[in-house]
Amino acid sequence: MKSFVVVCFFAVVALALGRPEHYTDRYDNVDLDDIFSNRRLLVAYIKCILDEGKCTPDGNELKSHIQEALENYCGKCTDAQKSGTKRVIGHLINNEKDYWNQLTAKYDPDRKYVVKYETELRKVAA
């Protein structure tokens, strides 16, 4: 993703390989603002994670760890990944509702984990 994201998104979000207690930090310096501001790039990462499009190596890395990171609240994430994950999820919740719903349906259909993120990261409507 230049990472998130990925979010989650992706980017950040839970990239593994490296020390067993942490995911790899190889994507920790990805500029998430570049991804958020480039709709084509953002959608490509989302489609990768949804198994609806091609994946780059970093997209595959991210996708391979999303479920585990979600279930353990990013317990193996570096501090940069935790921060980036919150930014990516917040962006999706607040700006990409349809994609957020698709990702939620795929990775947490029972909504056991995402409620925490939604409560914490949803913008308060004024």
N, C-alpha and C. Protein backbone atom coordinates (compact mmCIF):
# COMPACT_ATOMS: atom_id res chain seq x y z
N MET A 1 0.84 -1.15 0.00
CA MET A 1 0.00 0.00 0.00
C MET A 1 0.85 1.17 0.00
N LYS A 2 1.55 1.30 -0.34
CA LYS A 2 2.48 2.25 0.07
C LYS A 2 2.06 2.11 1.40
N SER A 3 1.23 1.32 1.99
CA SER A 3 0.72 0.32 2.92
C SER A 3 -0.68 0.47 3.40
N PHE A 4 -1.79 0.38 3.95
CA PHE A 4 -3.02 0.34 4.50
C PHE A 4 -3.32 0.05 3.94
N VAL A 5 -4.13 -0.87 5.42
CA VAL A 5 -4.50 -0.78 5.39
C VAL A 5 -4.72 -0.88 5.39
N VAL A 6 -3.59 -0.19 4.29
CA VAL A 6 -4.17 -0.48 4.44
C VAL A 6 -4.30 -0.48 4.69
N VAL A 7 -5.01 -0.53 5.27
CA VAL A 7 -5.19 -0.30 5.62
C VAL A 7 -4.96 -0.50 5.80
N CYS A 8 -5.22 -1.31 6.39
CA CYS A 8 -5.55 -1.41 6.85
C CYS A 8 -5.24 -1.46 6.70
N PHE A 9 -5.21 0.67 5.46
CA PHE A 9 -5.58 -0.24 5.75
C PHE A 9 -4.73 -1.05 5.98
N PHE A 10 -4.67 -0.82 6.06
CA PHE A 10 -4.26 -1.88 5.50
C PHE A 10 -2.86 -1.89 5.54
N ALA A 11 -2.16 -1.09 5.42
CA ALA A 11 -0.78 -0.89 5.35
C ALA A 11 -0.19 -1.23 6.59
N VAL A 12 -0.10 -1.16 7.02
CA VAL A 12 0.04 -0.95 8.35
C VAL A 12 -0.58 -2.00 9.09
N VAL A 13 -1.65 -2.17 8.72
CA VAL A 13 -2.46 -3.01 9.49
C VAL A 13 -1.81 -4.25 9.71
N ALA A 14 -1.37 -4.96 9.64
CA ALA A 14 -0.89 -6.11 10.19
C ALA A 14 -0.06 -6.84 9.22
N LEU A 15 1.09 -6.44 9.13
CA LEU A 15 1.98 -7.02 8.15
C LEU A 15 2.94 -7.94 8.88
N ALA A 16 3.03 -9.17 8.48
CA ALA A 16 3.85 -10.06 9.24
C ALA A 16 5.02 -10.62 8.49
N LEU A 17 5.83 -11.26 9.12
CA LEU A 17 7.10 -11.85 8.74
C LEU A 17 8.12 -11.05 9.50
N GLY A 18 9.08 -11.64 9.93
CA GLY A 18 10.02 -10.93 10.74
C GLY A 18 10.04 -11.59 12.09
N ARG A 19 10.30 -10.82 13.10
CA ARG A 19 10.34 -11.38 14.45
C ARG A 19 8.98 -11.99 14.76
N PRO A 20 8.99 -13.17 15.38
CA PRO A 20 7.72 -13.84 15.64
C PRO A 20 6.78 -13.04 16.53
N GLU A 21 7.31 -12.19 17.38
CA GLU A 21 6.44 -11.43 18.27
C GLU A 21 5.87 -10.19 17.62
N HIS A 22 6.38 -9.82 16.46
CA HIS A 22 5.87 -8.66 15.73
C HIS A 22 5.79 -8.94 14.24
N TYR A 23 4.90 -8.23 13.57
CA TYR A 23 4.86 -8.27 12.12
C TYR A 23 6.05 -7.47 11.60
N THR A 24 6.40 -7.68 10.35
CA THR A 24 7.51 -6.96 9.77
C THR A 24 7.26 -5.45 9.80
N ASP A 25 8.33 -4.71 10.00
CA ASP A 25 8.20 -3.24 10.03
C ASP A 25 8.57 -2.63 8.67
N ARG A 26 8.69 -3.48 7.67
CA ARG A 26 9.12 -3.04 6.34
C ARG A 26 8.19 -1.98 5.74
N TYR A 27 6.93 -1.94 6.11
CA TYR A 27 6.00 -0.98 5.52
C TYR A 27 5.57 0.12 6.51
N ASP A 28 6.27 0.26 7.59
CA ASP A 28 5.87 1.20 8.64
C ASP A 28 5.93 2.66 8.21
N ASN A 29 6.72 2.98 7.21
CA ASN A 29 6.87 4.38 6.79
C ASN A 29 6.04 4.74 5.56
N VAL A 30 5.05 3.95 5.27
CA VAL A 30 4.19 4.24 4.13
C VAL A 30 3.41 5.52 4.39
N ASP A 31 3.27 6.33 3.37
CA ASP A 31 2.52 7.59 3.51
C ASP A 31 1.05 7.31 3.24
N LEU A 32 0.28 7.14 4.30
CA LEU A 32 -1.13 6.83 4.17
C LEU A 32 -1.91 7.95 3.50
N ASP A 33 -1.48 9.19 3.70
CA ASP A 33 -2.17 10.31 3.06
C ASP A 33 -2.09 10.19 1.54
N ASP A 34 -0.97 9.68 1.02
CA ASP A 34 -0.86 9.46 -0.43
C ASP A 34 -1.90 8.44 -0.90
N ILE A 35 -2.11 7.41 -0.12
CA ILE A 35 -3.08 6.38 -0.49
C ILE A 35 -4.50 6.94 -0.38
N PHE A 36 -4.79 7.63 0.71
CA PHE A 36 -6.13 8.19 0.89
C PHE A 36 -6.48 9.20 -0.21
N SER A 37 -5.49 9.93 -0.68
CA SER A 37 -5.76 10.96 -1.68
C SER A 37 -5.74 10.42 -3.11
N ASN A 38 -5.37 9.17 -3.30
CA ASN A 38 -5.32 8.56 -4.62
C ASN A 38 -6.38 7.46 -4.68
N ARG A 39 -7.55 7.82 -5.11
CA ARG A 39 -8.70 6.89 -5.13
C ARG A 39 -8.38 5.59 -5.85
N ARG A 40 -7.69 5.68 -6.97
CA ARG A 40 -7.34 4.47 -7.74
C ARG A 40 -6.49 3.52 -6.91
N LEU A 41 -5.51 4.06 -6.20
CA LEU A 41 -4.64 3.25 -5.36
C LEU A 41 -5.39 2.67 -4.17
N LEU A 42 -6.19 3.50 -3.52
CA LEU A 42 -6.96 3.05 -2.37
C LEU A 42 -7.90 1.90 -2.76
N VAL A 43 -8.63 2.08 -3.84
CA VAL A 43 -9.58 1.05 -4.29
C VAL A 43 -8.84 -0.22 -4.68
N ALA A 44 -7.68 -0.10 -5.28
CA ALA A 44 -6.90 -1.28 -5.65
C ALA A 44 -6.52 -2.09 -4.41
N TYR A 45 -6.12 -1.43 -3.35
CA TYR A 45 -5.80 -2.15 -2.10
C TYR A 45 -7.03 -2.80 -1.50
N ILE A 46 -8.13 -2.09 -1.50
CA ILE A 46 -9.36 -2.64 -0.95
C ILE A 46 -9.79 -3.86 -1.74
N LYS A 47 -9.76 -3.76 -3.07
CA LYS A 47 -10.16 -4.89 -3.91
C LYS A 47 -9.24 -6.08 -3.71
N CYS A 48 -7.96 -5.83 -3.52
CA CYS A 48 -7.02 -6.91 -3.21
C CYS A 48 -7.45 -7.63 -1.93
N ILE A 49 -7.70 -6.87 -0.91
CA ILE A 49 -8.04 -7.44 0.39
C ILE A 49 -9.39 -8.16 0.35
N LEU A 50 -10.27 -7.72 -0.53
CA LEU A 50 -11.57 -8.38 -0.70
C LEU A 50 -11.51 -9.56 -1.67
N ASP A 51 -10.33 -9.87 -2.19
CA ASP A 51 -10.16 -10.94 -3.19
C ASP A 51 -10.92 -10.63 -4.46
N GLU A 52 -11.01 -9.36 -4.82
CA GLU A 52 -11.71 -8.94 -6.03
C GLU A 52 -10.78 -8.32 -7.06
N GLY A 53 -9.50 -8.28 -6.75
CA GLY A 53 -8.55 -7.67 -7.67
C GLY A 53 -7.15 -8.21 -7.42
N LYS A 54 -6.24 -7.78 -8.27
CA LYS A 54 -4.85 -8.20 -8.15
C LYS A 54 -4.23 -7.58 -6.91
N CYS A 55 -3.22 -8.26 -6.38
CA CYS A 55 -2.53 -7.78 -5.19
C CYS A 55 -1.06 -7.55 -5.49
N THR A 56 -0.53 -6.50 -4.93
CA THR A 56 0.90 -6.27 -4.94
C THR A 56 1.49 -7.13 -3.83
N PRO A 57 2.81 -7.29 -3.79
CA PRO A 57 3.40 -8.06 -2.69
C PRO A 57 3.03 -7.51 -1.31
N ASP A 58 3.01 -6.18 -1.16
CA ASP A 58 2.64 -5.63 0.15
C ASP A 58 1.15 -5.83 0.43
N GLY A 59 0.33 -5.81 -0.61
CA GLY A 59 -1.09 -6.10 -0.43
C GLY A 59 -1.31 -7.53 0.03
N ASN A 60 -0.58 -8.47 -0.57
CA ASN A 60 -0.66 -9.87 -0.15
C ASN A 60 -0.19 -10.04 1.29
N GLU A 61 0.86 -9.34 1.65
CA GLU A 61 1.39 -9.40 3.02
C GLU A 61 0.33 -8.93 4.00
N LEU A 62 -0.27 -7.82 3.70
CA LEU A 62 -1.32 -7.26 4.54
C LEU A 62 -2.49 -8.23 4.66
N LYS A 63 -2.95 -8.70 3.53
CA LYS A 63 -4.12 -9.58 3.50
C LYS A 63 -3.89 -10.85 4.31
N SER A 64 -2.67 -11.34 4.31
CA SER A 64 -2.40 -12.60 5.00
C SER A 64 -2.46 -12.47 6.52
N HIS A 65 -2.49 -11.24 7.04
CA HIS A 65 -2.47 -11.06 8.50
C HIS A 65 -3.67 -10.31 9.06
N ILE A 66 -4.58 -9.93 8.20
CA ILE A 66 -5.72 -9.13 8.67
C ILE A 66 -6.53 -9.87 9.73
N GLN A 67 -6.87 -11.10 9.47
CA GLN A 67 -7.74 -11.84 10.40
C GLN A 67 -7.08 -11.96 11.77
N GLU A 68 -5.82 -12.35 11.80
CA GLU A 68 -5.12 -12.49 13.08
C GLU A 68 -5.02 -11.15 13.79
N ALA A 69 -4.67 -10.11 13.06
CA ALA A 69 -4.53 -8.79 13.68
C ALA A 69 -5.86 -8.30 14.24
N LEU A 70 -6.93 -8.57 13.52
CA LEU A 70 -8.26 -8.19 13.99
C LEU A 70 -8.60 -8.93 15.28
N GLU A 71 -8.35 -10.20 15.29
CA GLU A 71 -8.72 -11.03 16.44
C GLU A 71 -7.89 -10.75 17.68
N ASN A 72 -6.64 -10.32 17.49
CA ASN A 72 -5.81 -10.06 18.68
C ASN A 72 -5.56 -8.57 18.87
N TYR A 73 -6.44 -7.75 18.28
CA TYR A 73 -6.36 -6.29 18.40
C TYR A 73 -4.97 -5.77 18.11
N CYS A 74 -4.41 -6.30 17.04
CA CYS A 74 -3.10 -5.86 16.53
C CYS A 74 -1.99 -6.12 17.56
N GLY A 75 -2.10 -7.20 18.27
CA GLY A 75 -1.13 -7.53 19.32
C GLY A 75 0.29 -7.73 18.82
N LYS A 76 0.47 -8.10 17.55
CA LYS A 76 1.80 -8.28 16.98
C LYS A 76 2.24 -7.08 16.15
N CYS A 77 1.42 -6.03 16.15
CA CYS A 77 1.74 -4.84 15.36
C CYS A 77 2.78 -3.98 16.07
N THR A 78 3.58 -3.30 15.28
CA THR A 78 4.48 -2.30 15.83
C THR A 78 3.63 -1.08 16.19
N ASP A 79 4.22 -0.14 16.91
CA ASP A 79 3.48 1.08 17.27
C ASP A 79 3.02 1.83 16.02
N ALA A 80 3.88 1.88 15.01
CA ALA A 80 3.52 2.55 13.75
C ALA A 80 2.34 1.85 13.08
N GLN A 81 2.31 0.53 13.12
CA GLN A 81 1.22 -0.22 12.52
C GLN A 81 -0.08 -0.01 13.29
N LYS A 82 0.00 0.04 14.60
CA LYS A 82 -1.20 0.31 15.41
C LYS A 82 -1.77 1.68 15.07
N SER A 83 -0.92 2.66 15.01
CA SER A 83 -1.35 4.02 14.67
C SER A 83 -1.92 4.07 13.26
N GLY A 84 -1.22 3.46 12.32
CA GLY A 84 -1.67 3.45 10.93
C GLY A 84 -2.98 2.68 10.76
N THR A 85 -3.12 1.61 11.49
CA THR A 85 -4.34 0.82 11.42
C THR A 85 -5.53 1.66 11.86
N LYS A 86 -5.37 2.39 12.92
CA LYS A 86 -6.45 3.26 13.38
C LYS A 86 -6.79 4.32 12.34
N ARG A 87 -5.77 4.88 11.71
CA ARG A 87 -6.02 5.89 10.67
C ARG A 87 -6.76 5.29 9.49
N VAL A 88 -6.33 4.11 9.07
CA VAL A 88 -6.96 3.47 7.92
C VAL A 88 -8.40 3.09 8.24
N ILE A 89 -8.60 2.45 9.37
CA ILE A 89 -9.96 2.04 9.75
C ILE A 89 -10.84 3.26 9.91
N GLY A 90 -10.33 4.30 10.56
CA GLY A 90 -11.10 5.53 10.71
C GLY A 90 -11.48 6.11 9.36
N HIS A 91 -10.54 6.11 8.43
CA HIS A 91 -10.83 6.62 7.09
C HIS A 91 -11.92 5.80 6.42
N LEU A 92 -11.83 4.50 6.52
CA LEU A 92 -12.82 3.63 5.89
C LEU A 92 -14.20 3.82 6.52
N ILE A 93 -14.26 3.85 7.84
CA ILE A 93 -15.53 4.01 8.54
C ILE A 93 -16.20 5.33 8.16
N ASN A 94 -15.41 6.38 8.10
CA ASN A 94 -15.95 7.72 7.91
C ASN A 94 -16.06 8.17 6.46
N ASN A 95 -15.31 7.54 5.56
CA ASN A 95 -15.29 8.01 4.17
C ASN A 95 -15.59 6.95 3.12
N GLU A 96 -15.53 5.71 3.50
CA GLU A 96 -15.72 4.61 2.54
C GLU A 96 -16.65 3.57 3.15
N LYS A 97 -17.83 4.01 3.53
CA LYS A 97 -18.76 3.14 4.27
C LYS A 97 -19.07 1.83 3.53
N ASP A 98 -19.30 1.90 2.22
CA ASP A 98 -19.61 0.67 1.48
C ASP A 98 -18.46 -0.32 1.53
N TYR A 99 -17.25 0.17 1.32
CA TYR A 99 -16.09 -0.72 1.40
C TYR A 99 -15.88 -1.22 2.83
N TRP A 100 -16.09 -0.37 3.81
CA TRP A 100 -15.97 -0.80 5.21
C TRP A 100 -16.95 -1.94 5.49
N ASN A 101 -18.17 -1.81 5.02
CA ASN A 101 -19.17 -2.86 5.23
C ASN A 101 -18.77 -4.15 4.53
N GLN A 102 -18.20 -4.05 3.33
CA GLN A 102 -17.75 -5.25 2.63
C GLN A 102 -16.59 -5.93 3.37
N LEU A 103 -15.65 -5.13 3.85
CA LEU A 103 -14.52 -5.68 4.59
C LEU A 103 -14.98 -6.32 5.89
N THR A 104 -15.91 -5.67 6.55
CA THR A 104 -16.46 -6.21 7.80
C THR A 104 -17.17 -7.54 7.53
N ALA A 105 -17.97 -7.59 6.49
CA ALA A 105 -18.68 -8.82 6.16
C ALA A 105 -17.71 -9.96 5.88
N LYS A 106 -16.60 -9.66 5.25
CA LYS A 106 -15.61 -10.69 4.91
C LYS A 106 -14.80 -11.14 6.13
N TYR A 107 -14.30 -10.19 6.91
CA TYR A 107 -13.35 -10.52 7.96
C TYR A 107 -13.95 -10.63 9.36
N ASP A 108 -15.15 -10.12 9.56
CA ASP A 108 -15.79 -10.20 10.87
C ASP A 108 -17.32 -10.23 10.71
N PRO A 109 -17.84 -11.27 10.07
CA PRO A 109 -19.28 -11.30 9.79
C PRO A 109 -20.15 -11.28 11.05
N ASP A 110 -19.63 -11.76 12.16
CA ASP A 110 -20.40 -11.74 13.41
C ASP A 110 -20.20 -10.43 14.19
N ARG A 111 -19.36 -9.56 13.64
CA ARG A 111 -19.10 -8.24 14.23
C ARG A 111 -18.61 -8.33 15.68
N LYS A 112 -17.78 -9.32 15.95
CA LYS A 112 -17.23 -9.49 17.29
C LYS A 112 -16.14 -8.46 17.58
N TYR A 113 -15.44 -8.01 16.56
CA TYR A 113 -14.27 -7.17 16.76
C TYR A 113 -14.47 -5.74 16.28
N VAL A 114 -15.20 -5.55 15.18
CA VAL A 114 -15.26 -4.23 14.57
C VAL A 114 -16.05 -3.20 15.37
N VAL A 115 -16.93 -3.65 16.23
CA VAL A 115 -17.71 -2.70 17.02
C VAL A 115 -16.78 -1.80 17.83
N LYS A 116 -15.73 -2.39 18.37
CA LYS A 116 -14.75 -1.61 19.14
C LYS A 116 -14.17 -0.50 18.27
N TYR A 117 -13.76 -0.84 17.07
CA TYR A 117 -13.16 0.14 16.18
C TYR A 117 -14.18 1.20 15.77
N GLU A 118 -15.37 0.77 15.44
CA GLU A 118 -16.38 1.72 14.99
C GLU A 118 -16.72 2.73 16.08
N THR A 119 -16.86 2.27 17.29
CA THR A 119 -17.18 3.16 18.40
C THR A 119 -16.06 4.17 18.61
N GLU A 120 -14.85 3.69 18.58
CA GLU A 120 -13.69 4.55 18.85
C GLU A 120 -13.39 5.52 17.71
N LEU A 121 -13.58 5.09 16.46
CA LEU A 121 -13.07 5.84 15.33
C LEU A 121 -14.12 6.56 14.48
N ARG A 122 -15.39 6.40 14.79
CA ARG A 122 -16.42 7.08 14.01
C ARG A 122 -16.45 8.56 14.40
N LYS A 123 -16.48 9.40 13.39
CA LYS A 123 -16.58 10.84 13.63
C LYS A 123 -17.95 11.13 14.21
N VAL A 124 -17.97 12.01 15.16
CA VAL A 124 -19.23 12.42 15.75
C VAL A 124 -19.86 13.43 14.81
N ALA A 125 -21.07 13.14 14.38
CA ALA A 125 -21.78 14.06 13.49
C ALA A 125 -22.28 15.24 14.30
N ALA A 126 -21.95 16.42 13.83
CA ALA A 126 -22.35 17.61 14.58
C ALA A 126 -23.64 18.17 14.06
